[in-house]
């Protein structure tokens, strides 16, 4: 694998911070900032997929990145993370199973 090999990372945003004293205006601004961050990741080819998890209060992103540290740096720029709108997040590298590896990651 060359140094340009992009791995996929599953990011889970979890445990919404309902105790945070955000006003409705702050929540709206944070949501706009989060969406702008997602759009920027998409425009730069970093975002593979994102969205809320149905039946849950968690959100997820799948990012293309060279390393865990690279994926973490993108997560740490998200206004939802920076402002602790979620109390926790989880980042896991995906071992992709596909036709090229006979679906044996």
PDB file of N, CA and C in Angstrom:
ATOM      1  N   UNK A   1       0.837  -1.187   0.000  1.00  0.00           N
ATOM      2  CA  UNK A   1       0.000   0.000   0.000  1.00  0.00           C
ATOM      3  C   UNK A   1       0.873   1.238   0.000  1.00  0.00           C
ATOM      4  N   UNK A   2       0.565   2.150  -0.909  1.00  0.00           N
ATOM      5  CA  UNK A   2       1.321   3.388  -0.989  1.00  0.00           C
ATOM      6  C   UNK A   2       0.889   4.380   0.062  1.00  0.00           C
ATOM      7  N   UNK A   3       1.630   5.464   0.148  1.00  0.00           N
ATOM      8  CA  UNK A   3       1.337   6.463   1.173  1.00  0.00           C
ATOM      9  C   UNK A   3       0.049   7.230   0.880  1.00  0.00           C
ATOM     10  N   UNK A   4      -0.475   7.097  -0.330  1.00  0.00           N
ATOM     11  CA  UNK A   4      -1.716   7.800  -0.673  1.00  0.00           C
ATOM     12  C   UNK A   4      -2.953   6.940  -0.453  1.00  0.00           C
ATOM     13  N   UNK A   5      -2.790   5.746   0.098  1.00  0.00           N
ATOM     14  CA  UNK A   5      -3.921   4.857   0.328  1.00  0.00           C
ATOM     15  C   UNK A   5      -4.871   5.479   1.349  1.00  0.00           C
ATOM     16  N   UNK A   6      -6.130   5.598   0.947  1.00  0.00           N
ATOM     17  CA  UNK A   6      -7.126   6.187   1.832  1.00  0.00           C
ATOM     18  C   UNK A   6      -7.918   5.075   2.498  1.00  0.00           C
ATOM     19  N   UNK A   7      -7.974   5.137   3.806  1.00  0.00           N
ATOM     20  CA  UNK A   7      -8.744   4.189   4.599  1.00  0.00           C
ATOM     21  C   UNK A   7     -10.103   4.815   4.887  1.00  0.00           C
ATOM     22  N   UNK A   8     -11.027   4.001   5.317  1.00  0.00           N
ATOM     23  CA  UNK A   8     -12.347   4.492   5.707  1.00  0.00           C
ATOM     24  C   UNK A   8     -12.474   4.388   7.228  1.00  0.00           C
ATOM     25  N   UNK A   9     -13.075   5.423   7.816  1.00  0.00           N
ATOM     26  CA  UNK A   9     -13.273   5.471   9.257  1.00  0.00           C
ATOM     27  C   UNK A   9     -14.735   5.772   9.557  1.00  0.00           C
ATOM     28  N   UNK A  10     -15.311   4.981  10.449  1.00  0.00           N
ATOM     29  CA  UNK A  10     -16.671   5.194  10.919  1.00  0.00           C
ATOM     30  C   UNK A  10     -16.601   6.057  12.172  1.00  0.00           C
ATOM     31  N   UNK A  11     -17.282   7.195  12.125  1.00  0.00           N
ATOM     32  CA  UNK A  11     -17.338   8.110  13.261  1.00  0.00           C
ATOM     33  C   UNK A  11     -18.767   8.078  13.800  1.00  0.00           C
ATOM     34  N   UNK A  12     -18.912   7.831  15.079  1.00  0.00           N
ATOM     35  CA  UNK A  12     -20.221   7.866  15.728  1.00  0.00           C
ATOM     36  C   UNK A  12     -20.212   9.020  16.728  1.00  0.00           C
ATOM     37  N   UNK A  13     -21.138   9.955  16.563  1.00  0.00           N
ATOM     38  CA  UNK A  13     -21.360  11.026  17.535  1.00  0.00           C
ATOM     39  C   UNK A  13     -22.460  10.527  18.461  1.00  0.00           C
ATOM     40  N   UNK A  14     -22.183  10.503  19.764  1.00  0.00           N
ATOM     41  CA  UNK A  14     -23.152   9.888  20.678  1.00  0.00           C
ATOM     42  C   UNK A  14     -23.297  10.693  21.961  1.00  0.00           C
ATOM     43  N   UNK A  15     -24.345  10.394  22.676  1.00  0.00           N
ATOM     44  CA  UNK A  15     -24.661  11.038  23.950  1.00  0.00           C
ATOM     45  C   UNK A  15     -24.844  12.550  23.805  1.00  0.00           C
ATOM     46  N   UNK A  16     -25.968  12.973  23.189  1.00  0.00           N
ATOM     47  CA  UNK A  16     -26.224  14.415  23.072  1.00  0.00           C
ATOM     48  C   UNK A  16     -26.142  15.097  24.428  1.00  0.00           C
ATOM     49  N   UNK A  17     -25.590  16.275  24.442  1.00  0.00           N
ATOM     50  CA  UNK A  17     -25.371  17.020  25.680  1.00  0.00           C
ATOM     51  C   UNK A  17     -26.565  17.934  25.949  1.00  0.00           C
ATOM     52  N   UNK A  18     -27.615  17.371  26.525  1.00  0.00           N
ATOM     53  CA  UNK A  18     -28.820  18.154  26.807  1.00  0.00           C
ATOM     54  C   UNK A  18     -28.635  19.090  28.000  1.00  0.00           C
ATOM     55  N   UNK A  19     -27.579  18.876  28.776  1.00  0.00           N
ATOM     56  CA  UNK A  19     -27.330  19.751  29.922  1.00  0.00           C
ATOM     57  C   UNK A  19     -26.669  21.068  29.523  1.00  0.00           C
ATOM     58  N   UNK A  20     -26.129  21.135  28.315  1.00  0.00           N
ATOM     59  CA  UNK A  20     -25.456  22.358  27.865  1.00  0.00           C
ATOM     60  C   UNK A  20     -26.476  23.493  27.757  1.00  0.00           C
ATOM     61  N   UNK A  21     -26.111  24.672  28.229  1.00  0.00           N
ATOM     62  CA  UNK A  21     -27.057  25.800  28.248  1.00  0.00           C
ATOM     63  C   UNK A  21     -27.128  26.555  26.913  1.00  0.00           C
ATOM     64  N   UNK A  22     -27.378  25.833  25.813  1.00  0.00           N
ATOM     65  CA  UNK A  22     -27.459  26.475  24.501  1.00  0.00           C
ATOM     66  C   UNK A  22     -28.828  27.123  24.319  1.00  0.00           C
ATOM     67  N   UNK A  23     -28.824  28.333  23.798  1.00  0.00           N
ATOM     68  CA  UNK A  23     -30.078  28.992  23.435  1.00  0.00           C
ATOM     69  C   UNK A  23     -30.526  28.437  22.087  1.00  0.00           C
ATOM     70  N   UNK A  24     -31.803  28.626  21.714  1.00  0.00           N
ATOM     71  CA  UNK A  24     -32.243  28.187  20.389  1.00  0.00           C
ATOM     72  C   UNK A  24     -31.410  28.814  19.269  1.00  0.00           C
ATOM     73  N   UNK A  25     -31.000  30.059  19.446  1.00  0.00           N
ATOM     74  CA  UNK A  25     -30.181  30.724  18.427  1.00  0.00           C
ATOM     75  C   UNK A  25     -28.808  30.065  18.321  1.00  0.00           C
ATOM     76  N   UNK A  26     -28.222  29.688  19.465  1.00  0.00           N
ATOM     77  CA  UNK A  26     -26.928  29.013  19.453  1.00  0.00           C
ATOM     78  C   UNK A  26     -27.040  27.636  18.808  1.00  0.00           C
ATOM     79  N   UNK A  27     -28.116  26.937  19.103  1.00  0.00           N
ATOM     80  CA  UNK A  27     -28.332  25.620  18.498  1.00  0.00           C
ATOM     81  C   UNK A  27     -28.432  25.751  16.980  1.00  0.00           C
ATOM     82  N   UNK A  28     -29.164  26.754  16.520  1.00  0.00           N
ATOM     83  CA  UNK A  28     -29.296  26.983  15.071  1.00  0.00           C
ATOM     84  C   UNK A  28     -27.936  27.296  14.451  1.00  0.00           C
ATOM     85  N   UNK A  29     -27.144  28.132  15.115  1.00  0.00           N
ATOM     86  CA  UNK A  29     -25.823  28.490  14.596  1.00  0.00           C
ATOM     87  C   UNK A  29     -24.886  27.281  14.586  1.00  0.00           C
ATOM     88  N   UNK A  30     -24.923  26.475  15.644  1.00  0.00           N
ATOM     89  CA  UNK A  30     -24.093  25.276  15.700  1.00  0.00           C
ATOM     90  C   UNK A  30     -24.494  24.281  14.619  1.00  0.00           C
ATOM     91  N   UNK A  31     -25.784  24.149  14.379  1.00  0.00           N
ATOM     92  CA  UNK A  31     -26.265  23.249  13.325  1.00  0.00           C
ATOM     93  C   UNK A  31     -25.794  23.730  11.961  1.00  0.00           C
ATOM     94  N   UNK A  32     -25.891  25.032  11.714  1.00  0.00           N
ATOM     95  CA  UNK A  32     -25.386  25.588  10.442  1.00  0.00           C
ATOM     96  C   UNK A  32     -23.889  25.320  10.294  1.00  0.00           C
ATOM     97  N   UNK A  33     -23.136  25.528  11.373  1.00  0.00           N
ATOM     98  CA  UNK A  33     -21.701  25.274  11.333  1.00  0.00           C
ATOM     99  C   UNK A  33     -21.376  23.818  11.072  1.00  0.00           C
ATOM    100  N   UNK A  34     -22.128  22.921  11.690  1.00  0.00           N
ATOM    101  CA  UNK A  34     -21.940  21.480  11.474  1.00  0.00           C
ATOM    102  C   UNK A  34     -22.203  21.132  10.008  1.00  0.00           C
ATOM    103  N   UNK A  35     -23.295  21.655   9.456  1.00  0.00           N
ATOM    104  CA  UNK A  35     -23.633  21.371   8.056  1.00  0.00           C
ATOM    105  C   UNK A  35     -22.562  21.935   7.121  1.00  0.00           C
ATOM    106  N   UNK A  36     -22.062  23.124   7.405  1.00  0.00           N
ATOM    107  CA  UNK A  36     -20.985  23.697   6.588  1.00  0.00           C
ATOM    108  C   UNK A  36     -19.732  22.828   6.661  1.00  0.00           C
ATOM    109  N   UNK A  37     -19.432  22.312   7.839  1.00  0.00           N
ATOM    110  CA  UNK A  37     -18.279  21.419   7.997  1.00  0.00           C
ATOM    111  C   UNK A  37     -18.473  20.164   7.151  1.00  0.00           C
ATOM    112  N   UNK A  38     -19.660  19.588   7.188  1.00  0.00           N
ATOM    113  CA  UNK A  38     -19.972  18.389   6.395  1.00  0.00           C
ATOM    114  C   UNK A  38     -19.841  18.703   4.905  1.00  0.00           C
ATOM    115  N   UNK A  39     -20.371  19.845   4.482  1.00  0.00           N
ATOM    116  CA  UNK A  39     -20.262  20.245   3.070  1.00  0.00           C
ATOM    117  C   UNK A  39     -18.803  20.401   2.649  1.00  0.00           C
ATOM    118  N   UNK A  40     -17.987  20.976   3.528  1.00  0.00           N
ATOM    119  CA  UNK A  40     -16.571  21.150   3.235  1.00  0.00           C
ATOM    120  C   UNK A  40     -15.875  19.794   3.097  1.00  0.00           C
ATOM    121  N   UNK A  41     -16.157  18.869   4.012  1.00  0.00           N
ATOM    122  CA  UNK A  41     -15.577  17.531   3.916  1.00  0.00           C
ATOM    123  C   UNK A  41     -15.990  16.857   2.614  1.00  0.00           C
ATOM    124  N   UNK A  42     -17.247  17.020   2.231  1.00  0.00           N
ATOM    125  CA  UNK A  42     -17.754  16.440   0.991  1.00  0.00           C
ATOM    126  C   UNK A  42     -17.050  17.054  -0.217  1.00  0.00           C
ATOM    127  N   UNK A  43     -16.931  18.368  -0.242  1.00  0.00           N
ATOM    128  CA  UNK A  43     -16.294  19.062  -1.370  1.00  0.00           C
ATOM    129  C   UNK A  43     -14.826  18.653  -1.526  1.00  0.00           C
ATOM    130  N   UNK A  44     -14.188  18.299  -0.425  1.00  0.00           N
ATOM    131  CA  UNK A  44     -12.773  17.904  -0.463  1.00  0.00           C
ATOM    132  C   UNK A  44     -12.577  16.401  -0.660  1.00  0.00           C
ATOM    133  N   UNK A  45     -13.676  15.657  -0.848  1.00  0.00           N
ATOM    134  CA  UNK A  45     -13.585  14.223  -1.093  1.00  0.00           C
ATOM    135  C   UNK A  45     -13.284  13.400   0.149  1.00  0.00           C
ATOM    136  N   UNK A  46     -13.497  13.971   1.328  1.00  0.00           N
ATOM    137  CA  UNK A  46     -13.219  13.283   2.593  1.00  0.00           C
ATOM    138  C   UNK A  46     -14.453  12.544   3.102  1.00  0.00           C
ATOM    139  N   UNK A  47     -15.622  13.143   2.886  1.00  0.00           N
ATOM    140  CA  UNK A  47     -16.869  12.541   3.361  1.00  0.00           C
ATOM    141  C   UNK A  47     -17.340  11.476   2.388  1.00  0.00           C
ATOM    142  N   UNK A  48     -17.549  10.273   2.891  1.00  0.00           N
ATOM    143  CA  UNK A  48     -18.087   9.184   2.080  1.00  0.00           C
ATOM    144  C   UNK A  48     -19.592   9.071   2.282  1.00  0.00           C
ATOM    145  N   UNK A  49     -20.032   9.222   3.539  1.00  0.00           N
ATOM    146  CA  UNK A  49     -21.445   9.063   3.881  1.00  0.00           C
ATOM    147  C   UNK A  49     -21.664   9.651   5.264  1.00  0.00           C
ATOM    148  N   UNK A  50     -22.858  10.200   5.504  1.00  0.00           N
ATOM    149  CA  UNK A  50     -23.173  10.691   6.852  1.00  0.00           C
ATOM    150  C   UNK A  50     -24.678  10.689   7.057  1.00  0.00           C
ATOM    151  N   UNK A  51     -25.071  10.796   8.319  1.00  0.00           N
ATOM    152  CA  UNK A  51     -26.479  10.910   8.632  1.00  0.00           C
ATOM    153  C   UNK A  51     -26.780  10.458  10.044  1.00  0.00           C
ATOM    154  N   UNK A  52     -27.996  10.761  10.495  1.00  0.00           N
ATOM    155  CA  UNK A  52     -28.406  10.296  11.821  1.00  0.00           C
ATOM    156  C   UNK A  52     -28.701   8.802  11.771  1.00  0.00           C
ATOM    157  N   UNK A  53     -28.553   8.139  12.905  1.00  0.00           N
ATOM    158  CA  UNK A  53     -28.910   6.731  13.002  1.00  0.00           C
ATOM    159  C   UNK A  53     -30.367   6.659  13.429  1.00  0.00           C
ATOM    160  N   UNK A  54     -31.194   6.069  12.591  1.00  0.00           N
ATOM    161  CA  UNK A  54     -32.631   6.004  12.869  1.00  0.00           C
ATOM    162  C   UNK A  54     -32.907   5.297  14.182  1.00  0.00           C
ATOM    163  N   UNK A  55     -33.868   5.839  14.911  1.00  0.00           N
ATOM    164  CA  UNK A  55     -34.255   5.253  16.181  1.00  0.00           C
ATOM    165  C   UNK A  55     -33.225   5.483  17.271  1.00  0.00           C
ATOM    166  N   UNK A  56     -32.349   6.448  17.055  1.00  0.00           N
ATOM    167  CA  UNK A  56     -31.253   6.710  17.983  1.00  0.00           C
ATOM    168  C   UNK A  56     -31.009   8.209  18.030  1.00  0.00           C
ATOM    169  N   UNK A  57     -30.291   8.673  19.021  1.00  0.00           N
ATOM    170  CA  UNK A  57     -29.912  10.079  19.088  1.00  0.00           C
ATOM    171  C   UNK A  57     -28.468  10.256  18.654  1.00  0.00           C
ATOM    172  N   UNK A  58     -27.950   9.287  17.933  1.00  0.00           N
ATOM    173  CA  UNK A  58     -26.567   9.331  17.472  1.00  0.00           C
ATOM    174  C   UNK A  58     -26.517   9.691  15.993  1.00  0.00           C
ATOM    175  N   UNK A  59     -25.370  10.209  15.600  1.00  0.00           N
ATOM    176  CA  UNK A  59     -25.113  10.504  14.197  1.00  0.00           C
ATOM    177  C   UNK A  59     -23.851   9.781  13.767  1.00  0.00           C
ATOM    178  N   UNK A  60     -23.696   9.587  12.454  1.00  0.00           N
ATOM    179  CA  UNK A  60     -22.503   8.895  11.985  1.00  0.00           C
ATOM    180  C   UNK A  60     -21.979   9.552  10.723  1.00  0.00           C
ATOM    181  N   UNK A  61     -20.681   9.402  10.550  1.00  0.00           N
ATOM    182  CA  UNK A  61     -20.000   9.829   9.334  1.00  0.00           C
ATOM    183  C   UNK A  61     -19.051   8.705   8.939  1.00  0.00           C
ATOM    184  N   UNK A  62     -18.883   8.505   7.662  1.00  0.00           N
ATOM    185  CA  UNK A  62     -17.813   7.641   7.171  1.00  0.00           C
ATOM    186  C   UNK A  62     -16.875   8.560   6.407  1.00  0.00           C
ATOM    187  N   UNK A  63     -15.628   8.606   6.880  1.00  0.00           N
ATOM    188  CA  UNK A  63     -14.630   9.503   6.312  1.00  0.00           C
ATOM    189  C   UNK A  63     -13.540   8.710   5.604  1.00  0.00           C
ATOM    190  N   UNK A  64     -13.018   9.272   4.529  1.00  0.00           N
ATOM    191  CA  UNK A  64     -11.824   8.741   3.874  1.00  0.00           C
ATOM    192  C   UNK A  64     -10.639   9.518   4.415  1.00  0.00           C
ATOM    193  N   UNK A  65      -9.675   8.804   4.973  1.00  0.00           N
ATOM    194  CA  UNK A  65      -8.509   9.463   5.562  1.00  0.00           C
ATOM    195  C   UNK A  65      -7.307   8.531   5.480  1.00  0.00           C
ATOM    196  N   UNK A  66      -6.123   9.115   5.560  1.00  0.00           N
ATOM    197  CA  UNK A  66      -4.890   8.325   5.494  1.00  0.00           C
ATOM    198  C   UNK A  66      -4.608   7.585   6.802  1.00  0.00           C
ATOM    199  N   UNK A  67      -5.094   8.139   7.930  1.00  0.00           N
ATOM    200  CA  UNK A  67      -4.784   7.552   9.229  1.00  0.00           C
ATOM    201  C   UNK A  67      -5.874   7.917  10.233  1.00  0.00           C
ATOM    202  N   UNK A  68      -5.825   7.247  11.377  1.00  0.00           N
ATOM    203  CA  UNK A  68      -6.733   7.581  12.477  1.00  0.00           C
ATOM    204  C   UNK A  68      -6.547   9.044  12.869  1.00  0.00           C
ATOM    205  N   UNK A  69      -5.311   9.496  12.957  1.00  0.00           N
ATOM    206  CA  UNK A  69      -5.022  10.872  13.352  1.00  0.00           C
ATOM    207  C   UNK A  69      -5.614  11.873  12.360  1.00  0.00           C
ATOM    208  N   UNK A  70      -5.566  11.543  11.088  1.00  0.00           N
ATOM    209  CA  UNK A  70      -6.155  12.391  10.053  1.00  0.00           C
ATOM    210  C   UNK A  70      -7.673  12.460  10.238  1.00  0.00           C
ATOM    211  N   UNK A  71      -8.302  11.311  10.452  1.00  0.00           N
ATOM    212  CA  UNK A  71      -9.755  11.277  10.682  1.00  0.00           C
ATOM    213  C   UNK A  71     -10.103  12.067  11.938  1.00  0.00           C
ATOM    214  N   UNK A  72      -9.321  11.894  13.005  1.00  0.00           N
ATOM    215  CA  UNK A  72      -9.553  12.610  14.245  1.00  0.00           C
ATOM    216  C   UNK A  72      -9.470  14.120  14.040  1.00  0.00           C
ATOM    217  N   UNK A  73      -8.525  14.564  13.229  1.00  0.00           N
ATOM    218  CA  UNK A  73      -8.391  16.009  13.000  1.00  0.00           C
ATOM    219  C   UNK A  73      -9.638  16.574  12.328  1.00  0.00           C
ATOM    220  N   UNK A  74     -10.263  15.813  11.438  1.00  0.00           N
ATOM    221  CA  UNK A  74     -11.508  16.265  10.797  1.00  0.00           C
ATOM    222  C   UNK A  74     -12.649  16.309  11.813  1.00  0.00           C
ATOM    223  N   UNK A  75     -12.723  15.296  12.661  1.00  0.00           N
ATOM    224  CA  UNK A  75     -13.770  15.245  13.681  1.00  0.00           C
ATOM    225  C   UNK A  75     -13.622  16.424  14.642  1.00  0.00           C
ATOM    226  N   UNK A  76     -12.394  16.741  15.015  1.00  0.00           N
ATOM    227  CA  UNK A  76     -12.138  17.798  15.996  1.00  0.00           C
ATOM    228  C   UNK A  76     -12.406  19.204  15.452  1.00  0.00           C
ATOM    229  N   UNK A  77     -12.711  19.321  14.164  1.00  0.00           N
ATOM    230  CA  UNK A  77     -13.070  20.605  13.572  1.00  0.00           C
ATOM    231  C   UNK A  77     -14.585  20.790  13.459  1.00  0.00           C
ATOM    232  N   UNK A  78     -15.339  19.750  13.779  1.00  0.00           N
ATOM    233  CA  UNK A  78     -16.798  19.809  13.699  1.00  0.00           C
ATOM    234  C   UNK A  78     -17.334  20.664  14.853  1.00  0.00           C
ATOM    235  N   UNK A  79     -18.106  21.708  14.560  1.00  0.00           N
ATOM    236  CA  UNK A  79     -18.656  22.539  15.636  1.00  0.00           C
ATOM    237  C   UNK A  79     -19.446  21.751  16.676  1.00  0.00           C
ATOM    238  N   UNK A  80     -20.088  20.652  16.294  1.00  0.00           N
ATOM    239  CA  UNK A  80     -20.807  19.835  17.262  1.00  0.00           C
ATOM    240  C   UNK A  80     -19.839  19.213  18.278  1.00  0.00           C
ATOM    241  N   UNK A  81     -18.646  18.865  17.842  1.00  0.00           N
ATOM    242  CA  UNK A  81     -17.645  18.269  18.724  1.00  0.00           C
ATOM    243  C   UNK A  81     -16.934  19.364  19.512  1.00  0.00           C
ATOM    244  N   UNK A  82     -16.503  20.408  18.821  1.00  0.00           N
ATOM    245  CA  UNK A  82     -15.794  21.515  19.466  1.00  0.00           C
ATOM    246  C   UNK A  82     -16.603  22.107  20.613  1.00  0.00           C
ATOM    247  N   UNK A  83     -17.901  22.246  20.416  1.00  0.00           N
ATOM    248  CA  UNK A  83     -18.778  22.869  21.413  1.00  0.00           C
ATOM    249  C   UNK A  83     -19.479  21.864  22.322  1.00  0.00           C
ATOM    250  N   UNK A  84     -19.047  20.618  22.253  1.00  0.00           N
ATOM    251  CA  UNK A  84     -19.547  19.542  23.117  1.00  0.00           C
ATOM    252  C   UNK A  84     -21.065  19.376  23.046  1.00  0.00           C
ATOM    253  N   UNK A  85     -21.598  19.461  21.821  1.00  0.00           N
ATOM    254  CA  UNK A  85     -23.020  19.167  21.618  1.00  0.00           C
ATOM    255  C   UNK A  85     -23.275  17.678  21.840  1.00  0.00           C
ATOM    256  N   UNK A  86     -22.260  16.883  21.605  1.00  0.00           N
ATOM    257  CA  UNK A  86     -22.277  15.461  21.940  1.00  0.00           C
ATOM    258  C   UNK A  86     -21.220  15.253  23.010  1.00  0.00           C
ATOM    259  N   UNK A  87     -21.532  14.430  23.996  1.00  0.00           N
ATOM    260  CA  UNK A  87     -20.592  14.182  25.088  1.00  0.00           C
ATOM    261  C   UNK A  87     -19.467  13.245  24.672  1.00  0.00           C
ATOM    262  N   UNK A  88     -19.697  12.476  23.617  1.00  0.00           N
ATOM    263  CA  UNK A  88     -18.698  11.484  23.222  1.00  0.00           C
ATOM    264  C   UNK A  88     -18.763  11.230  21.718  1.00  0.00           C
ATOM    265  N   UNK A  89     -17.671  10.728  21.220  1.00  0.00           N
ATOM    266  CA  UNK A  89     -17.623  10.253  19.838  1.00  0.00           C
ATOM    267  C   UNK A  89     -16.717   9.039  19.814  1.00  0.00           C
ATOM    268  N   UNK A  90     -16.851   8.276  18.757  1.00  0.00           N
ATOM    269  CA  UNK A  90     -16.072   7.052  18.589  1.00  0.00           C
ATOM    270  C   UNK A  90     -15.581   7.029  17.153  1.00  0.00           C
ATOM    271  N   UNK A  91     -14.335   6.667  16.941  1.00  0.00           N
ATOM    272  CA  UNK A  91     -13.775   6.560  15.598  1.00  0.00           C
ATOM    273  C   UNK A  91     -13.215   5.152  15.447  1.00  0.00           C
ATOM    274  N   UNK A  92     -13.676   4.442  14.417  1.00  0.00           N
ATOM    275  CA  UNK A  92     -13.191   3.090  14.149  1.00  0.00           C
ATOM    276  C   UNK A  92     -12.808   2.964  12.683  1.00  0.00           C
ATOM    277  N   UNK A  93     -11.642   2.383  12.427  1.00  0.00           N
ATOM    278  CA  UNK A  93     -11.256   2.103  11.041  1.00  0.00           C
ATOM    279  C   UNK A  93     -12.098   0.938  10.540  1.00  0.00           C
ATOM    280  N   UNK A  94     -12.551   1.040   9.306  1.00  0.00           N
ATOM    281  CA  UNK A  94     -13.351  -0.013   8.695  1.00  0.00           C
ATOM    282  C   UNK A  94     -12.426  -0.950   7.920  1.00  0.00           C
ATOM    283  N   UNK A  95     -12.522  -2.238   8.189  1.00  0.00           N
ATOM    284  CA  UNK A  95     -11.818  -3.252   7.414  1.00  0.00           C
ATOM    285  C   UNK A  95     -12.773  -3.654   6.292  1.00  0.00           C
ATOM    286  N   UNK A  96     -12.621  -3.023   5.146  1.00  0.00           N
ATOM    287  CA  UNK A  96     -13.569  -3.199   4.050  1.00  0.00           C
ATOM    288  C   UNK A  96     -13.444  -4.579   3.411  1.00  0.00           C
ATOM    289  N   UNK A  97     -14.567  -5.258   3.346  1.00  0.00           N
ATOM    290  CA  UNK A  97     -14.652  -6.524   2.632  1.00  0.00           C
ATOM    291  C   UNK A  97     -15.302  -6.223   1.281  1.00  0.00           C
ATOM    292  N   UNK A  98     -14.644  -6.628   0.203  1.00  0.00           N
ATOM    293  CA  UNK A  98     -15.154  -6.321  -1.138  1.00  0.00           C
ATOM    294  C   UNK A  98     -14.733  -7.403  -2.132  1.00  0.00           C
ATOM    295  N   UNK A  99     -15.129  -7.230  -3.365  1.00  0.00           N
ATOM    296  CA  UNK A  99     -14.828  -8.201  -4.412  1.00  0.00           C
ATOM    297  C   UNK A  99     -13.326  -8.411  -4.543  1.00  0.00           C
ATOM    298  N   UNK A 100     -12.557  -7.341  -4.422  1.00  0.00           N
ATOM    299  CA  UNK A 100     -11.107  -7.411  -4.574  1.00  0.00           C
ATOM    300  C   UNK A 100     -10.424  -8.296  -3.541  1.00  0.00           C
ATOM    301  N   UNK A 101     -11.006  -8.443  -2.355  1.00  0.00           N
ATOM    302  CA  UNK A 101     -10.415  -9.316  -1.329  1.00  0.00           C
ATOM    303  C   UNK A 101     -11.336 -10.517  -1.033  1.00  0.00           C
ATOM    304  N   UNK A 102     -12.191 -10.842  -2.009  1.00  0.00           N
ATOM    305  CA  UNK A 102     -13.112 -11.967  -1.919  1.00  0.00           C
ATOM    306  C   UNK A 102     -14.010 -11.857  -0.690  1.00  0.00           C
ATOM    307  N   UNK A 103     -14.343 -10.617  -0.341  1.00  0.00           N
ATOM    308  CA  UNK A 103     -15.225 -10.315   0.802  1.00  0.00           C
ATOM    309  C   UNK A 103     -14.676 -10.866   2.120  1.00  0.00           C
ATOM    310  N   UNK A 104     -13.365 -10.951   2.173  1.00  0.00           N
ATOM    311  CA  UNK A 104     -12.677 -11.389   3.383  1.00  0.00           C
ATOM    312  C   UNK A 104     -11.713 -10.273   3.781  1.00  0.00           C
ATOM    313  N   UNK A 105     -12.177  -9.352   4.596  1.00  0.00           N
ATOM    314  CA  UNK A 105     -11.332  -8.230   4.968  1.00  0.00           C
ATOM    315  C   UNK A 105     -10.194  -8.737   5.797  1.00  0.00           C
TER     316      UNK A 105
END
